[in-house]
Amino acid sequence: MDRKMANRKLIRLSQLKNKLATENLEEIDWVTFGVIVRKVTPQSANNGKTFSIWRLNDLRDLNECVSLFLFGEVHKEHWKTDQGTV
């Protein structure tokens, strides 16, 4: 993990909204971790393609969640991922 995190900044999901407002995250190499706390049943878009929505949280502040939309190959590969997975 130390090797993977070298020269990267950890930003907690619960801090992401504040960091996006105060820092230019496009200029730094950053990572975040989250737990799938809720999964919505796969949906169909207007174009007929299926996508998933996951609610992620860092378990530090349960009121601060991030919605992650999965489309295309990412949806096909990961839509069965269990709730509670990191």
PDB file of N, CA and C in Angstrom:
ATOM      1  N   MET A   1       0.818  -1.188   0.000  1.00  0.00           N
ATOM      2  CA  MET A   1       0.000   0.000   0.000  1.00  0.00           C
ATOM      3  C   MET A   1       0.863   1.252   0.000  1.00  0.00           C
ATOM      4  N   ASP A   2       1.968   1.218   0.743  1.00  0.00           N
ATOM      5  CA  ASP A   2       2.863   2.379   0.767  1.00  0.00           C
ATOM      6  C   ASP A   2       3.382   2.699  -0.633  1.00  0.00           C
ATOM      7  N   ARG A   3       3.710   1.661  -1.388  1.00  0.00           N
ATOM      8  CA  ARG A   3       4.222   1.873  -2.745  1.00  0.00           C
ATOM      9  C   ARG A   3       3.131   2.460  -3.644  1.00  0.00           C
ATOM     10  N   LYS A   4       1.920   1.949  -3.533  1.00  0.00           N
ATOM     11  CA  LYS A   4       0.807   2.448  -4.356  1.00  0.00           C
ATOM     12  C   LYS A   4       0.430   3.884  -3.999  1.00  0.00           C
ATOM     13  N   MET A   5       0.609   4.266  -2.740  1.00  0.00           N
ATOM     14  CA  MET A   5       0.230   5.603  -2.283  1.00  0.00           C
ATOM     15  C   MET A   5       1.353   6.628  -2.406  1.00  0.00           C
ATOM     16  N   ALA A   6       2.546   6.191  -2.791  1.00  0.00           N
ATOM     17  CA  ALA A   6       3.682   7.117  -2.903  1.00  0.00           C
ATOM     18  C   ALA A   6       3.328   8.260  -3.848  1.00  0.00           C
ATOM     19  N   ASN A   7       3.560   9.485  -3.403  1.00  0.00           N
ATOM     20  CA  ASN A   7       3.324  10.708  -4.176  1.00  0.00           C
ATOM     21  C   ASN A   7       1.847  10.961  -4.475  1.00  0.00           C
ATOM     22  N   ARG A   8       0.965  10.323  -3.739  1.00  0.00           N
ATOM     23  CA  ARG A   8      -0.473  10.551  -3.898  1.00  0.00           C
ATOM     24  C   ARG A   8      -1.043  11.102  -2.601  1.00  0.00           C
ATOM     25  N   LYS A   9      -2.106  11.862  -2.747  1.00  0.00           N
ATOM     26  CA  LYS A   9      -2.759  12.448  -1.583  1.00  0.00           C
ATOM     27  C   LYS A   9      -4.066  11.694  -1.317  1.00  0.00           C
ATOM     28  N   LEU A  10      -4.267  11.262  -0.072  1.00  0.00           N
ATOM     29  CA  LEU A  10      -5.509  10.617   0.325  1.00  0.00           C
ATOM     30  C   LEU A  10      -6.532  11.682   0.682  1.00  0.00           C
ATOM     31  N   ILE A  11      -7.677  11.622   0.045  1.00  0.00           N
ATOM     32  CA  ILE A  11      -8.788  12.512   0.370  1.00  0.00           C
ATOM     33  C   ILE A  11      -9.964  11.635   0.766  1.00  0.00           C
ATOM     34  N   ARG A  12     -10.427  11.798   1.980  1.00  0.00           N
ATOM     35  CA  ARG A  12     -11.565  11.008   2.449  1.00  0.00           C
ATOM     36  C   ARG A  12     -12.822  11.427   1.689  1.00  0.00           C
ATOM     37  N   LEU A  13     -13.707  10.472   1.439  1.00  0.00           N
ATOM     38  CA  LEU A  13     -14.954  10.787   0.742  1.00  0.00           C
ATOM     39  C   LEU A  13     -15.741  11.875   1.463  1.00  0.00           C
ATOM     40  N   SER A  14     -15.725  11.841   2.785  1.00  0.00           N
ATOM     41  CA  SER A  14     -16.467  12.841   3.555  1.00  0.00           C
ATOM     42  C   SER A  14     -15.857  14.241   3.414  1.00  0.00           C
ATOM     43  N   GLN A  15     -14.627  14.346   2.905  1.00  0.00           N
ATOM     44  CA  GLN A  15     -13.965  15.633   2.690  1.00  0.00           C
ATOM     45  C   GLN A  15     -14.023  16.080   1.234  1.00  0.00           C
ATOM     46  N   LEU A  16     -14.496  15.208   0.354  1.00  0.00           N
ATOM     47  CA  LEU A  16     -14.399  15.455  -1.082  1.00  0.00           C
ATOM     48  C   LEU A  16     -15.115  16.731  -1.516  1.00  0.00           C
ATOM     49  N   LYS A  17     -16.323  16.955  -1.051  1.00  0.00           N
ATOM     50  CA  LYS A  17     -17.081  18.149  -1.440  1.00  0.00           C
ATOM     51  C   LYS A  17     -16.317  19.424  -1.083  1.00  0.00           C
ATOM     52  N   ASN A  18     -15.779  19.476   0.129  1.00  0.00           N
ATOM     53  CA  ASN A  18     -15.014  20.643   0.563  1.00  0.00           C
ATOM     54  C   ASN A  18     -13.734  20.805  -0.256  1.00  0.00           C
ATOM     55  N   LYS A  19     -13.042  19.706  -0.513  1.00  0.00           N
ATOM     56  CA  LYS A  19     -11.790  19.760  -1.278  1.00  0.00           C
ATOM     57  C   LYS A  19     -12.043  20.218  -2.713  1.00  0.00           C
ATOM     58  N   LEU A  20     -13.140  19.765  -3.325  1.00  0.00           N
ATOM     59  CA  LEU A  20     -13.469  20.188  -4.685  1.00  0.00           C
ATOM     60  C   LEU A  20     -13.724  21.692  -4.747  1.00  0.00           C
ATOM     61  N   ALA A  21     -14.276  22.240  -3.673  1.00  0.00           N
ATOM     62  CA  ALA A  21     -14.582  23.671  -3.640  1.00  0.00           C
ATOM     63  C   ALA A  21     -13.350  24.529  -3.362  1.00  0.00           C
ATOM     64  N   THR A  22     -12.344  23.969  -2.688  1.00  0.00           N
ATOM     65  CA  THR A  22     -11.214  24.785  -2.252  1.00  0.00           C
ATOM     66  C   THR A  22      -9.888  24.469  -2.938  1.00  0.00           C
ATOM     67  N   GLU A  23      -9.797  23.335  -3.639  1.00  0.00           N
ATOM     68  CA  GLU A  23      -8.538  22.948  -4.265  1.00  0.00           C
ATOM     69  C   GLU A  23      -8.777  22.538  -5.714  1.00  0.00           C
ATOM     70  N   ASN A  24      -7.771  22.679  -6.537  1.00  0.00           N
ATOM     71  CA  ASN A  24      -7.843  22.213  -7.908  1.00  0.00           C
ATOM     72  C   ASN A  24      -7.315  20.782  -7.939  1.00  0.00           C
ATOM     73  N   LEU A  25      -8.208  19.828  -7.794  1.00  0.00           N
ATOM     74  CA  LEU A  25      -7.800  18.428  -7.684  1.00  0.00           C
ATOM     75  C   LEU A  25      -7.277  17.857  -8.994  1.00  0.00           C
ATOM     76  N   GLU A  26      -7.505  18.564 -10.096  1.00  0.00           N
ATOM     77  CA  GLU A  26      -6.974  18.101 -11.383  1.00  0.00           C
ATOM     78  C   GLU A  26      -5.452  18.245 -11.449  1.00  0.00           C
ATOM     79  N   GLU A  27      -4.899  19.029 -10.563  1.00  0.00           N
ATOM     80  CA  GLU A  27      -3.457  19.276 -10.584  1.00  0.00           C
ATOM     81  C   GLU A  27      -2.679  18.362  -9.638  1.00  0.00           C
ATOM     82  N   ILE A  28      -3.365  17.535  -8.872  1.00  0.00           N
ATOM     83  CA  ILE A  28      -2.669  16.636  -7.958  1.00  0.00           C
ATOM     84  C   ILE A  28      -3.126  15.200  -8.204  1.00  0.00           C
ATOM     85  N   ASP A  29      -2.273  14.261  -7.821  1.00  0.00           N
ATOM     86  CA  ASP A  29      -2.597  12.840  -7.921  1.00  0.00           C
ATOM     87  C   ASP A  29      -3.200  12.426  -6.590  1.00  0.00           C
ATOM     88  N   TRP A  30      -4.508  12.181  -6.582  1.00  0.00           N
ATOM     89  CA  TRP A  30      -5.184  11.867  -5.329  1.00  0.00           C
ATOM     90  C   TRP A  30      -5.985  10.583  -5.461  1.00  0.00           C
ATOM     91  N   VAL A  31      -6.266   9.988  -4.317  1.00  0.00           N
ATOM     92  CA  VAL A  31      -7.064   8.760  -4.252  1.00  0.00           C
ATOM     93  C   VAL A  31      -8.074   8.880  -3.121  1.00  0.00           C
ATOM     94  N   THR A  32      -9.083   8.045  -3.200  1.00  0.00           N
ATOM     95  CA  THR A  32     -10.059   7.975  -2.133  1.00  0.00           C
ATOM     96  C   THR A  32     -10.508   6.528  -1.996  1.00  0.00           C
ATOM     97  N   PHE A  33     -11.087   6.202  -0.880  1.00  0.00           N
ATOM     98  CA  PHE A  33     -11.602   4.871  -0.618  1.00  0.00           C
ATOM     99  C   PHE A  33     -13.046   5.015  -0.166  1.00  0.00           C
ATOM    100  N   GLY A  34     -13.868   4.056  -0.514  1.00  0.00           N
ATOM    101  CA  GLY A  34     -15.253   4.097  -0.086  1.00  0.00           C
ATOM    102  C   GLY A  34     -15.840   2.710   0.049  1.00  0.00           C
ATOM    103  N   VAL A  35     -16.885   2.642   0.827  1.00  0.00           N
ATOM    104  CA  VAL A  35     -17.648   1.423   1.032  1.00  0.00           C
ATOM    105  C   VAL A  35     -18.984   1.611   0.326  1.00  0.00           C
ATOM    106  N   ILE A  36     -19.421   0.585  -0.393  1.00  0.00           N
ATOM    107  CA  ILE A  36     -20.740   0.650  -1.027  1.00  0.00           C
ATOM    108  C   ILE A  36     -21.772   0.494   0.087  1.00  0.00           C
ATOM    109  N   VAL A  37     -22.460   1.583   0.414  1.00  0.00           N
ATOM    110  CA  VAL A  37     -23.450   1.534   1.489  1.00  0.00           C
ATOM    111  C   VAL A  37     -24.860   1.346   0.950  1.00  0.00           C
ATOM    112  N   ARG A  38     -25.054   1.576  -0.343  1.00  0.00           N
ATOM    113  CA  ARG A  38     -26.364   1.373  -0.952  1.00  0.00           C
ATOM    114  C   ARG A  38     -26.192   1.182  -2.448  1.00  0.00           C
ATOM    115  N   LYS A  39     -26.938   0.250  -2.983  1.00  0.00           N
ATOM    116  CA  LYS A  39     -26.953   0.023  -4.420  1.00  0.00           C
ATOM    117  C   LYS A  39     -28.385   0.155  -4.913  1.00  0.00           C
ATOM    118  N   VAL A  40     -28.566   0.913  -5.983  1.00  0.00           N
ATOM    119  CA  VAL A  40     -29.869   1.031  -6.617  1.00  0.00           C
ATOM    120  C   VAL A  40     -29.960  -0.065  -7.669  1.00  0.00           C
ATOM    121  N   THR A  41     -31.124  -0.677  -7.809  1.00  0.00           N
ATOM    122  CA  THR A  41     -31.323  -1.690  -8.843  1.00  0.00           C
ATOM    123  C   THR A  41     -30.923  -1.097 -10.194  1.00  0.00           C
ATOM    124  N   PRO A  42     -30.175  -1.843 -11.020  1.00  0.00           N
ATOM    125  CA  PRO A  42     -29.755  -1.301 -12.316  1.00  0.00           C
ATOM    126  C   PRO A  42     -30.919  -0.656 -13.078  1.00  0.00           C
ATOM    127  N   GLN A  43     -30.622   0.477 -13.687  1.00  0.00           N
ATOM    128  CA  GLN A  43     -31.609   1.295 -14.395  1.00  0.00           C
ATOM    129  C   GLN A  43     -31.352   1.255 -15.890  1.00  0.00           C
ATOM    130  N   SER A  44     -32.359   1.606 -16.682  1.00  0.00           N
ATOM    131  CA  SER A  44     -32.187   1.744 -18.129  1.00  0.00           C
ATOM    132  C   SER A  44     -32.203   3.213 -18.486  1.00  0.00           C
ATOM    133  N   ALA A  45     -31.201   3.637 -19.239  1.00  0.00           N
ATOM    134  CA  ALA A  45     -31.121   5.019 -19.709  1.00  0.00           C
ATOM    135  C   ALA A  45     -32.075   5.200 -20.891  1.00  0.00           C
ATOM    136  N   ASN A  46     -32.272   6.441 -21.310  1.00  0.00           N
ATOM    137  CA  ASN A  46     -33.138   6.731 -22.452  1.00  0.00           C
ATOM    138  C   ASN A  46     -32.688   6.020 -23.721  1.00  0.00           C
ATOM    139  N   ASN A  47     -31.388   5.761 -23.829  1.00  0.00           N
ATOM    140  CA  ASN A  47     -30.862   5.089 -25.017  1.00  0.00           C
ATOM    141  C   ASN A  47     -30.973   3.568 -24.911  1.00  0.00           C
ATOM    142  N   GLY A  48     -31.580   3.061 -23.834  1.00  0.00           N
ATOM    143  CA  GLY A  48     -31.783   1.633 -23.663  1.00  0.00           C
ATOM    144  C   GLY A  48     -30.649   0.905 -22.978  1.00  0.00           C
ATOM    145  N   LYS A  49     -29.539   1.597 -22.723  1.00  0.00           N
ATOM    146  CA  LYS A  49     -28.403   0.950 -22.062  1.00  0.00           C
ATOM    147  C   LYS A  49     -28.597   0.961 -20.553  1.00  0.00           C
ATOM    148  N   THR A  50     -28.087  -0.067 -19.909  1.00  0.00           N
ATOM    149  CA  THR A  50     -28.260  -0.234 -18.467  1.00  0.00           C
ATOM    150  C   THR A  50     -27.085   0.381 -17.715  1.00  0.00           C
ATOM    151  N   PHE A  51     -27.378   0.943 -16.560  1.00  0.00           N
ATOM    152  CA  PHE A  51     -26.342   1.506 -15.696  1.00  0.00           C
ATOM    153  C   PHE A  51     -26.701   1.247 -14.248  1.00  0.00           C
ATOM    154  N   SER A  52     -25.719   1.411 -13.374  1.00  0.00           N
ATOM    155  CA  SER A  52     -25.909   1.222 -11.932  1.00  0.00           C
ATOM    156  C   SER A  52     -25.554   2.501 -11.193  1.00  0.00           C
ATOM    157  N   ILE A  53     -26.130   2.638 -10.013  1.00  0.00           N
ATOM    158  CA  ILE A  53     -25.792   3.750  -9.125  1.00  0.00           C
ATOM    159  C   ILE A  53     -25.438   3.162  -7.765  1.00  0.00           C
ATOM    160  N   TRP A  54     -24.256   3.521  -7.287  1.00  0.00           N
ATOM    161  CA  TRP A  54     -23.810   3.120  -5.956  1.00  0.00           C
ATOM    162  C   TRP A  54     -23.696   4.363  -5.083  1.00  0.00           C
ATOM    163  N   ARG A  55     -24.049   4.214  -3.820  1.00  0.00           N
ATOM    164  CA  ARG A  55     -23.797   5.265  -2.825  1.00  0.00           C
ATOM    165  C   ARG A  55     -22.589   4.807  -2.016  1.00  0.00           C
ATOM    166  N   LEU A  56     -21.561   5.642  -1.989  1.00  0.00           N
ATOM    167  CA  LEU A  56     -20.313   5.324  -1.294  1.00  0.00           C
ATOM    168  C   LEU A  56     -20.142   6.219  -0.078  1.00  0.00           C
ATOM    169  N   ASN A  57     -19.498   5.668   0.949  1.00  0.00           N
ATOM    170  CA  ASN A  57     -19.232   6.411   2.171  1.00  0.00           C
ATOM    171  C   ASN A  57     -17.910   5.939   2.744  1.00  0.00           C
ATOM    172  N   ASP A  58     -17.230   6.793   3.500  1.00  0.00           N
ATOM    173  CA  ASP A  58     -15.953   6.411   4.116  1.00  0.00           C
ATOM    174  C   ASP A  58     -16.122   5.945   5.567  1.00  0.00           C
ATOM    175  N   LEU A  59     -17.356   5.830   6.023  1.00  0.00           N
ATOM    176  CA  LEU A  59     -17.714   5.388   7.371  1.00  0.00           C
ATOM    177  C   LEU A  59     -17.234   6.329   8.468  1.00  0.00           C
ATOM    178  N   ARG A  60     -16.786   7.502   8.084  1.00  0.00           N
ATOM    179  CA  ARG A  60     -16.402   8.506   9.068  1.00  0.00           C
ATOM    180  C   ARG A  60     -17.568   9.445   9.351  1.00  0.00           C
ATOM    181  N   ASP A  61     -18.264   9.845   8.301  1.00  0.00           N
ATOM    182  CA  ASP A  61     -19.434  10.714   8.431  1.00  0.00           C
ATOM    183  C   ASP A  61     -20.537  10.090   7.576  1.00  0.00           C
ATOM    184  N   LEU A  62     -21.464   9.405   8.207  1.00  0.00           N
ATOM    185  CA  LEU A  62     -22.496   8.661   7.476  1.00  0.00           C
ATOM    186  C   LEU A  62     -23.485   9.556   6.746  1.00  0.00           C
ATOM    187  N   ASN A  63     -23.432  10.864   7.006  1.00  0.00           N
ATOM    188  CA  ASN A  63     -24.300  11.802   6.297  1.00  0.00           C
ATOM    189  C   ASN A  63     -23.700  12.266   4.977  1.00  0.00           C
ATOM    190  N   GLU A  64     -22.418  12.013   4.758  1.00  0.00           N
ATOM    191  CA  GLU A  64     -21.731  12.448   3.543  1.00  0.00           C
ATOM    192  C   GLU A  64     -21.486  11.252   2.634  1.00  0.00           C
ATOM    193  N   CYS A  65     -22.286  11.127   1.596  1.00  0.00           N
ATOM    194  CA  CYS A  65     -22.137  10.033   0.634  1.00  0.00           C
ATOM    195  C   CYS A  65     -21.843  10.616  -0.744  1.00  0.00           C
ATOM    196  N   VAL A  66     -21.248   9.796  -1.576  1.00  0.00           N
ATOM    197  CA  VAL A  66     -20.979  10.149  -2.955  1.00  0.00           C
ATOM    198  C   VAL A  66     -21.702   9.138  -3.828  1.00  0.00           C
ATOM    199  N   SER A  67     -22.399   9.620  -4.848  1.00  0.00           N
ATOM    200  CA  SER A  67     -23.059   8.721  -5.790  1.00  0.00           C
ATOM    201  C   SER A  67     -22.104   8.437  -6.938  1.00  0.00           C
ATOM    202  N   LEU A  68     -21.962   7.170  -7.251  1.00  0.00           N
ATOM    203  CA  LEU A  68     -21.098   6.731  -8.344  1.00  0.00           C
ATOM    204  C   LEU A  68     -21.978   6.049  -9.388  1.00  0.00           C
ATOM    205  N   PHE A  69     -21.954   6.576 -10.614  1.00  0.00           N
ATOM    206  CA  PHE A  69     -22.728   6.021 -11.710  1.00  0.00           C
ATOM    207  C   PHE A  69     -21.814   5.142 -12.552  1.00  0.00           C
ATOM    208  N   LEU A  70     -22.222   3.913 -12.804  1.00  0.00           N
ATOM    209  CA  LEU A  70     -21.433   2.954 -13.575  1.00  0.00           C
ATOM    210  C   LEU A  70     -22.129   2.705 -14.911  1.00  0.00           C
ATOM    211  N   PHE A  71     -21.412   2.955 -16.008  1.00  0.00           N
ATOM    212  CA  PHE A  71     -21.945   2.796 -17.348  1.00  0.00           C
ATOM    213  C   PHE A  71     -21.083   1.820 -18.140  1.00  0.00           C
ATOM    214  N   GLY A  72     -21.614   1.322 -19.238  1.00  0.00           N
ATOM    215  CA  GLY A  72     -20.856   0.551 -20.214  1.00  0.00           C
ATOM    216  C   GLY A  72     -20.190  -0.677 -19.626  1.00  0.00           C
ATOM    217  N   GLU A  73     -18.920  -0.860 -20.008  1.00  0.00           N
ATOM    218  CA  GLU A  73     -18.163  -2.033 -19.568  1.00  0.00           C
ATOM    219  C   GLU A  73     -17.971  -2.066 -18.057  1.00  0.00           C
ATOM    220  N   VAL A  74     -17.835  -0.896 -17.446  1.00  0.00           N
ATOM    221  CA  VAL A  74     -17.671  -0.844 -15.982  1.00  0.00           C
ATOM    222  C   VAL A  74     -18.934  -1.393 -15.317  1.00  0.00           C
ATOM    223  N   HIS A  75     -20.091  -0.981 -15.820  1.00  0.00           N
ATOM    224  CA  HIS A  75     -21.348  -1.517 -15.276  1.00  0.00           C
ATOM    225  C   HIS A  75     -21.405  -3.028 -15.475  1.00  0.00           C
ATOM    226  N   LYS A  76     -21.129  -3.500 -16.669  1.00  0.00           N
ATOM    227  CA  LYS A  76     -21.205  -4.937 -16.969  1.00  0.00           C
ATOM    228  C   LYS A  76     -20.283  -5.752 -16.076  1.00  0.00           C
ATOM    229  N   GLU A  77     -19.101  -5.210 -15.798  1.00  0.00           N
ATOM    230  CA  GLU A  77     -18.115  -5.942 -15.008  1.00  0.00           C
ATOM    231  C   GLU A  77     -18.405  -5.916 -13.510  1.00  0.00           C
ATOM    232  N   HIS A  78     -19.008  -4.837 -13.011  1.00  0.00           N
ATOM    233  CA  HIS A  78     -19.094  -4.651 -11.562  1.00  0.00           C
ATOM    234  C   HIS A  78     -20.501  -4.584 -10.968  1.00  0.00           C
ATOM    235  N   TRP A  79     -21.559  -4.678 -11.756  1.00  0.00           N
ATOM    236  CA  TRP A  79     -22.898  -4.451 -11.215  1.00  0.00           C
ATOM    237  C   TRP A  79     -23.301  -5.452 -10.143  1.00  0.00           C
ATOM    238  N   LYS A  80     -22.687  -6.617 -10.118  1.00  0.00           N
ATOM    239  CA  LYS A  80     -23.012  -7.623  -9.097  1.00  0.00           C
ATOM    240  C   LYS A  80     -22.210  -7.459  -7.804  1.00  0.00           C
ATOM    241  N   THR A  81     -21.327  -6.479  -7.744  1.00  0.00           N
ATOM    242  CA  THR A  81     -20.525  -6.257  -6.542  1.00  0.00           C
ATOM    243  C   THR A  81     -21.448  -6.062  -5.338  1.00  0.00           C
ATOM    244  N   ASP A  82     -21.143  -6.719  -4.249  1.00  0.00           N
ATOM    245  CA  ASP A  82     -21.995  -6.701  -3.071  1.00  0.00           C
ATOM    246  C   ASP A  82     -21.924  -5.388  -2.315  1.00  0.00           C
ATOM    247  N   GLN A  83     -23.071  -5.010  -1.756  1.00  0.00           N
ATOM    248  CA  GLN A  83     -23.120  -3.885  -0.838  1.00  0.00           C
ATOM    249  C   GLN A  83     -22.207  -4.215   0.337  1.00  0.00           C
ATOM    250  N   GLY A  84     -21.457  -3.246   0.843  1.00  0.00           N
ATOM    251  CA  GLY A  84     -20.506  -3.467   1.926  1.00  0.00           C
ATOM    252  C   GLY A  84     -19.091  -3.656   1.442  1.00  0.00           C
ATOM    253  N   THR A  85     -18.913  -3.791   0.124  1.00  0.00           N
ATOM    254  CA  THR A  85     -17.575  -3.961  -0.452  1.00  0.00           C
ATOM    255  C   THR A  85     -16.828  -2.636  -0.422  1.00  0.00           C
ATOM    256  N   VAL A  86     -15.534  -2.684  -0.143  1.00  0.00           N
ATOM    257  CA  VAL A  86     -14.680  -1.497  -0.148  1.00  0.00           C
ATOM    258  C   VAL A  86     -14.115  -1.332  -1.546  1.00  0.00           C
TER     259      VAL A  86
END
